[in-house]
Amino acid sequence: GLASSSLDALQQALKAGGIRELYAGFFATLALDVVTAIVQFTVIDLGSRSSPWLAGSPAALGFFASALATTASEPIDVVRTRIMSRIRGRNDARFLYNGLFHGFSQALRTEGLTALYRGLLPRLVLKSFGGAIWYSSYVHSKSFFLSLSPLSDSSRGREL
């Protein structure tokens, strides 16, 4: 690797950009998480209300919601990964982005739209199946714990 140990990597990062370098990609990560959550929970909500087939299959709904969220957030993930893995002070300045929007514009200008979807397939497979497991586990766990509650169905109130 580029560093002989974790301590060496930390020292190199601090030397290259100070404390700020340790948080490279922080705001891109926040943007990625926010976009993913908005798309995923919107699809889950709409799918559970409007599609009897999806509402009856938490795994399918979780898979579908995660697939759409992953596809929507892939450009952010590509730029975020490039921001976080850059090495300041090296001759290769291809991915020295000043931030998320600068990264978008640079990638689009120099590599085209397809650059923002590099690595989509492996991430799509991982996140979609993960979403199926996550959402079906959530729905079944919720059902199990609600069945243990001494409260009646009518007194539970609104669904979570």
C-alpha atoms as a PDB file:
ATOM      1  CA  GLY A   1       0.000   0.000   0.000  1.00  0.00           C
ATOM      2  CA  LEU A   2       0.922   3.625   0.166  1.00  0.00           C
ATOM      3  CA  ALA A   3       1.601   3.547   3.903  1.00  0.00           C
ATOM      4  CA  SER A   4       3.411   0.954   5.963  1.00  0.00           C
ATOM      5  CA  SER A   5       0.963   1.183   8.878  1.00  0.00           C
ATOM      6  CA  SER A   6      -2.139   2.984  10.079  1.00  0.00           C
ATOM      7  CA  LEU A   7       0.030   5.424  12.014  1.00  0.00           C
ATOM      8  CA  ASP A   8       2.095   6.100   8.898  1.00  0.00           C
ATOM      9  CA  ALA A   9      -1.109   6.738   6.898  1.00  0.00           C
ATOM     10  CA  LEU A  10      -2.329   9.142   9.575  1.00  0.00           C
ATOM     11  CA  GLN A  11       0.989  10.999   9.578  1.00  0.00           C
ATOM     12  CA  GLN A  12       0.986  11.226   5.771  1.00  0.00           C
ATOM     13  CA  ALA A  13      -2.568  12.610   5.730  1.00  0.00           C
ATOM     14  CA  LEU A  14      -1.776  15.173   8.419  1.00  0.00           C
ATOM     15  CA  LYS A  15       1.380  16.187   6.595  1.00  0.00           C
ATOM     16  CA  ALA A  16      -0.448  16.513   3.262  1.00  0.00           C
ATOM     17  CA  GLY A  17      -3.413  18.549   4.435  1.00  0.00           C
ATOM     18  CA  GLY A  18      -3.679  18.715   8.200  1.00  0.00           C
ATOM     19  CA  ILE A  19      -6.770  17.752  10.166  1.00  0.00           C
ATOM     20  CA  ARG A  20      -8.941  18.808   7.234  1.00  0.00           C
ATOM     21  CA  GLU A  21      -7.457  16.030   5.092  1.00  0.00           C
ATOM     22  CA  LEU A  22      -8.747  13.434   7.558  1.00  0.00           C
ATOM     23  CA  TYR A  23     -12.287  14.589   6.759  1.00  0.00           C
ATOM     24  CA  ALA A  24     -11.920  14.631   2.968  1.00  0.00           C
ATOM     25  CA  GLY A  25     -15.242  13.596   1.502  1.00  0.00           C
ATOM     26  CA  PHE A  26     -17.246  14.219   4.675  1.00  0.00           C
ATOM     27  CA  PHE A  27     -19.852  16.450   3.014  1.00  0.00           C
ATOM     28  CA  ALA A  28     -20.000  14.156  -0.018  1.00  0.00           C
ATOM     29  CA  THR A  29     -20.723  11.280   2.361  1.00  0.00           C
ATOM     30  CA  LEU A  30     -23.514  13.291   3.977  1.00  0.00           C
ATOM     31  CA  ALA A  31     -24.977  14.062   0.551  1.00  0.00           C
ATOM     32  CA  LEU A  32     -24.758  10.391  -0.406  1.00  0.00           C
ATOM     33  CA  ASP A  33     -26.546   9.278   2.761  1.00  0.00           C
ATOM     34  CA  VAL A  34     -29.260  11.930   2.479  1.00  0.00           C
ATOM     35  CA  VAL A  35     -30.027  11.181  -1.182  1.00  0.00           C
ATOM     36  CA  THR A  36     -30.012   7.431  -0.529  1.00  0.00           C
ATOM     37  CA  ALA A  37     -32.351   7.760   2.451  1.00  0.00           C
ATOM     38  CA  ILE A  38     -34.758  10.100   0.659  1.00  0.00           C
ATOM     39  CA  VAL A  39     -35.070   7.831  -2.375  1.00  0.00           C
ATOM     40  CA  GLN A  40     -35.157   4.587  -0.385  1.00  0.00           C
ATOM     41  CA  PHE A  41     -37.802   5.644   2.137  1.00  0.00           C
ATOM     42  CA  THR A  42     -39.908   7.390  -0.507  1.00  0.00           C
ATOM     43  CA  VAL A  43     -39.969   4.223  -2.621  1.00  0.00           C
ATOM     44  CA  ILE A  44     -40.769   2.082   0.428  1.00  0.00           C
ATOM     45  CA  ASP A  45     -43.618   4.394   1.397  1.00  0.00           C
ATOM     46  CA  LEU A  46     -45.062   4.629  -2.108  1.00  0.00           C
ATOM     47  CA  GLY A  47     -44.555   0.923  -2.782  1.00  0.00           C
ATOM     48  CA  SER A  48     -46.256  -0.169   0.414  1.00  0.00           C
ATOM     49  CA  ARG A  49     -49.234   2.112  -0.304  1.00  0.00           C
ATOM     50  CA  SER A  50     -49.740   1.624  -4.027  1.00  0.00           C
ATOM     51  CA  SER A  51     -48.543  -1.867  -4.916  1.00  0.00           C
ATOM     52  CA  PRO A  52     -50.219  -4.835  -3.216  1.00  0.00           C
ATOM     53  CA  TRP A  53     -47.501  -7.105  -4.595  1.00  0.00           C
ATOM     54  CA  LEU A  54     -44.653  -5.014  -3.148  1.00  0.00           C
ATOM     55  CA  ALA A  55     -46.529  -4.353   0.104  1.00  0.00           C
ATOM     56  CA  GLY A  56     -46.929  -8.096   0.594  1.00  0.00           C
ATOM     57  CA  SER A  57     -43.250  -8.816  -0.006  1.00  0.00           C
ATOM     58  CA  PRO A  58     -40.899  -6.799   2.204  1.00  0.00           C
ATOM     59  CA  ALA A  59     -37.848  -8.400   0.578  1.00  0.00           C
ATOM     60  CA  ALA A  60     -38.974  -7.350  -2.911  1.00  0.00           C
ATOM     61  CA  LEU A  61     -39.835  -3.851  -1.709  1.00  0.00           C
ATOM     62  CA  GLY A  62     -36.473  -3.489   0.057  1.00  0.00           C
ATOM     63  CA  PHE A  63     -34.647  -4.798  -3.015  1.00  0.00           C
ATOM     64  CA  PHE A  64     -36.477  -2.417  -5.368  1.00  0.00           C
ATOM     65  CA  ALA A  65     -36.102   0.609  -3.077  1.00  0.00           C
ATOM     66  CA  SER A  66     -32.390  -0.029  -2.572  1.00  0.00           C
ATOM     67  CA  ALA A  67     -31.834  -0.567  -6.301  1.00  0.00           C
ATOM     68  CA  LEU A  68     -33.422   2.795  -7.128  1.00  0.00           C
ATOM     69  CA  ALA A  69     -31.601   4.572  -4.295  1.00  0.00           C
ATOM     70  CA  THR A  70     -28.275   3.093  -5.387  1.00  0.00           C
ATOM     71  CA  THR A  71     -28.795   4.103  -9.006  1.00  0.00           C
ATOM     72  CA  ALA A  72     -29.791   7.633  -7.981  1.00  0.00           C
ATOM     73  CA  SER A  73     -26.820   8.080  -5.654  1.00  0.00           C
ATOM     74  CA  GLU A  74     -24.093   6.399  -7.751  1.00  0.00           C
ATOM     75  CA  PRO A  75     -22.712   9.677  -9.186  1.00  0.00           C
ATOM     76  CA  ILE A  76     -22.289  11.024  -5.648  1.00  0.00           C
ATOM     77  CA  ASP A  77     -20.578   7.800  -4.576  1.00  0.00           C
ATOM     78  CA  VAL A  78     -18.129   7.922  -7.497  1.00  0.00           C
ATOM     79  CA  VAL A  79     -17.093  11.511  -6.756  1.00  0.00           C
ATOM     80  CA  ARG A  80     -17.004  10.863  -2.987  1.00  0.00           C
ATOM     81  CA  THR A  81     -14.720   7.862  -3.461  1.00  0.00           C
ATOM     82  CA  ARG A  82     -12.400   9.880  -5.665  1.00  0.00           C
ATOM     83  CA  ILE A  83     -12.294  12.718  -3.141  1.00  0.00           C
ATOM     84  CA  MET A  84     -11.518  10.349  -0.283  1.00  0.00           C
ATOM     85  CA  SER A  85      -8.848   8.376  -2.137  1.00  0.00           C
ATOM     86  CA  ARG A  86      -6.949  11.264  -3.655  1.00  0.00           C
ATOM     87  CA  ILE A  87      -3.333  11.819  -2.756  1.00  0.00           C
ATOM     88  CA  ARG A  88      -2.266  15.428  -2.565  1.00  0.00           C
ATOM     89  CA  GLY A  89       1.212  16.290  -3.716  1.00  0.00           C
ATOM     90  CA  ARG A  90       1.369  13.509  -6.327  1.00  0.00           C
ATOM     91  CA  ASN A  91       1.777  14.213 -10.022  1.00  0.00           C
ATOM     92  CA  ASP A  92      -1.521  12.501 -10.882  1.00  0.00           C
ATOM     93  CA  ALA A  93      -3.993  15.347 -10.415  1.00  0.00           C
ATOM     94  CA  ARG A  94      -6.934  13.720 -12.261  1.00  0.00           C
ATOM     95  CA  PHE A  95      -9.111  13.418  -9.178  1.00  0.00           C
ATOM     96  CA  LEU A  96      -8.027  16.419  -7.126  1.00  0.00           C
ATOM     97  CA  TYR A  97     -11.539  17.726  -6.731  1.00  0.00           C
ATOM     98  CA  ASN A  98     -12.258  20.726  -4.525  1.00  0.00           C
ATOM     99  CA  GLY A  99     -15.592  19.269  -3.515  1.00  0.00           C
ATOM    100  CA  LEU A 100     -18.643  17.418  -4.702  1.00  0.00           C
ATOM    101  CA  PHE A 101     -19.863  19.890  -7.342  1.00  0.00           C
ATOM    102  CA  HIS A 102     -16.350  20.482  -8.656  1.00  0.00           C
ATOM    103  CA  GLY A 103     -15.967  16.709  -8.925  1.00  0.00           C
ATOM    104  CA  PHE A 104     -19.217  16.404 -10.888  1.00  0.00           C
ATOM    105  CA  SER A 105     -18.214  19.122 -13.333  1.00  0.00           C
ATOM    106  CA  GLN A 106     -14.663  17.796 -13.771  1.00  0.00           C
ATOM    107  CA  ALA A 107     -15.809  14.208 -14.344  1.00  0.00           C
ATOM    108  CA  LEU A 108     -18.517  15.262 -16.794  1.00  0.00           C
ATOM    109  CA  ARG A 109     -16.185  17.582 -18.693  1.00  0.00           C
ATOM    110  CA  THR A 110     -13.205  15.239 -18.930  1.00  0.00           C
ATOM    111  CA  GLU A 111     -14.784  11.765 -18.931  1.00  0.00           C
ATOM    112  CA  GLY A 112     -18.457  12.132 -19.783  1.00  0.00           C
ATOM    113  CA  LEU A 113     -21.632  11.011 -18.023  1.00  0.00           C
ATOM    114  CA  THR A 114     -20.684   7.325 -17.974  1.00  0.00           C
ATOM    115  CA  ALA A 115     -17.807   8.124 -15.603  1.00  0.00           C
ATOM    116  CA  LEU A 116     -20.335   8.939 -12.884  1.00  0.00           C
ATOM    117  CA  TYR A 117     -21.788   5.427 -13.124  1.00  0.00           C
ATOM    118  CA  ARG A 118     -18.536   3.473 -12.987  1.00  0.00           C
ATOM    119  CA  GLY A 119     -18.827   0.592 -10.563  1.00  0.00           C
ATOM    120  CA  LEU A 120     -22.622   0.682 -10.520  1.00  0.00           C
ATOM    121  CA  LEU A 121     -23.189  -3.031 -11.098  1.00  0.00           C
ATOM    122  CA  PRO A 122     -21.262  -4.386  -8.080  1.00  0.00           C
ATOM    123  CA  ARG A 123     -22.692  -1.687  -5.823  1.00  0.00           C
ATOM    124  CA  LEU A 124     -26.186  -2.308  -7.194  1.00  0.00           C
ATOM    125  CA  VAL A 125     -25.976  -6.035  -6.471  1.00  0.00           C
ATOM    126  CA  LEU A 126     -24.592  -5.495  -2.978  1.00  0.00           C
ATOM    127  CA  LYS A 127     -27.013  -2.741  -1.976  1.00  0.00           C
ATOM    128  CA  SER A 128     -30.121  -4.312  -3.540  1.00  0.00           C
ATOM    129  CA  PHE A 129     -29.713  -7.664  -1.820  1.00  0.00           C
ATOM    130  CA  GLY A 130     -28.694  -5.853   1.355  1.00  0.00           C
ATOM    131  CA  GLY A 131     -31.863  -3.770   1.124  1.00  0.00           C
ATOM    132  CA  ALA A 132     -33.966  -6.904   0.726  1.00  0.00           C
ATOM    133  CA  ILE A 133     -32.429  -8.404   3.862  1.00  0.00           C
ATOM    134  CA  TRP A 134     -32.582  -5.131   5.804  1.00  0.00           C
ATOM    135  CA  TYR A 135     -36.206  -4.254   5.073  1.00  0.00           C
ATOM    136  CA  SER A 136     -37.603  -7.769   5.445  1.00  0.00           C
ATOM    137  CA  SER A 137     -35.701  -8.138   8.740  1.00  0.00           C
ATOM    138  CA  TYR A 138     -37.137  -4.822   9.900  1.00  0.00           C
ATOM    139  CA  VAL A 139     -40.723  -5.726   8.983  1.00  0.00           C
ATOM    140  CA  HIS A 140     -40.557  -9.190  10.570  1.00  0.00           C
ATOM    141  CA  SER A 141     -38.796  -7.924  13.707  1.00  0.00           C
ATOM    142  CA  LYS A 142     -41.337  -5.154  14.087  1.00  0.00           C
ATOM    143  CA  SER A 143     -44.171  -7.646  13.729  1.00  0.00           C
ATOM    144  CA  PHE A 144     -42.577  -9.990  16.272  1.00  0.00           C
ATOM    145  CA  PHE A 145     -42.009  -7.314  18.902  1.00  0.00           C
ATOM    146  CA  LEU A 146     -45.461  -5.833  18.405  1.00  0.00           C
ATOM    147  CA  SER A 147     -46.935  -9.291  18.978  1.00  0.00           C
ATOM    148  CA  LEU A 148     -45.223  -9.326  22.385  1.00  0.00           C
ATOM    149  CA  SER A 149     -46.813  -6.036  23.365  1.00  0.00           C
ATOM    150  CA  PRO A 150     -49.651  -6.211  25.877  1.00  0.00           C
ATOM    151  CA  LEU A 151     -51.350  -3.354  24.026  1.00  0.00           C
ATOM    152  CA  SER A 152     -54.202  -4.206  21.720  1.00  0.00           C
ATOM    153  CA  ASP A 153     -54.062  -3.384  18.019  1.00  0.00           C
ATOM    154  CA  SER A 154     -56.421  -0.463  18.431  1.00  0.00           C
ATOM    155  CA  SER A 155     -54.366   1.175  21.182  1.00  0.00           C
ATOM    156  CA  ARG A 156     -51.033   0.974  19.365  1.00  0.00           C
ATOM    157  CA  GLY A 157     -51.799   4.059  17.407  1.00  0.00           C
ATOM    158  CA  ARG A 158     -50.136   5.002  14.213  1.00  0.00           C
ATOM    159  CA  GLU A 159     -47.816   2.693  12.291  1.00  0.00           C
ATOM    160  CA  LEU A 160     -44.124   3.421  12.497  1.00  0.00           C
END
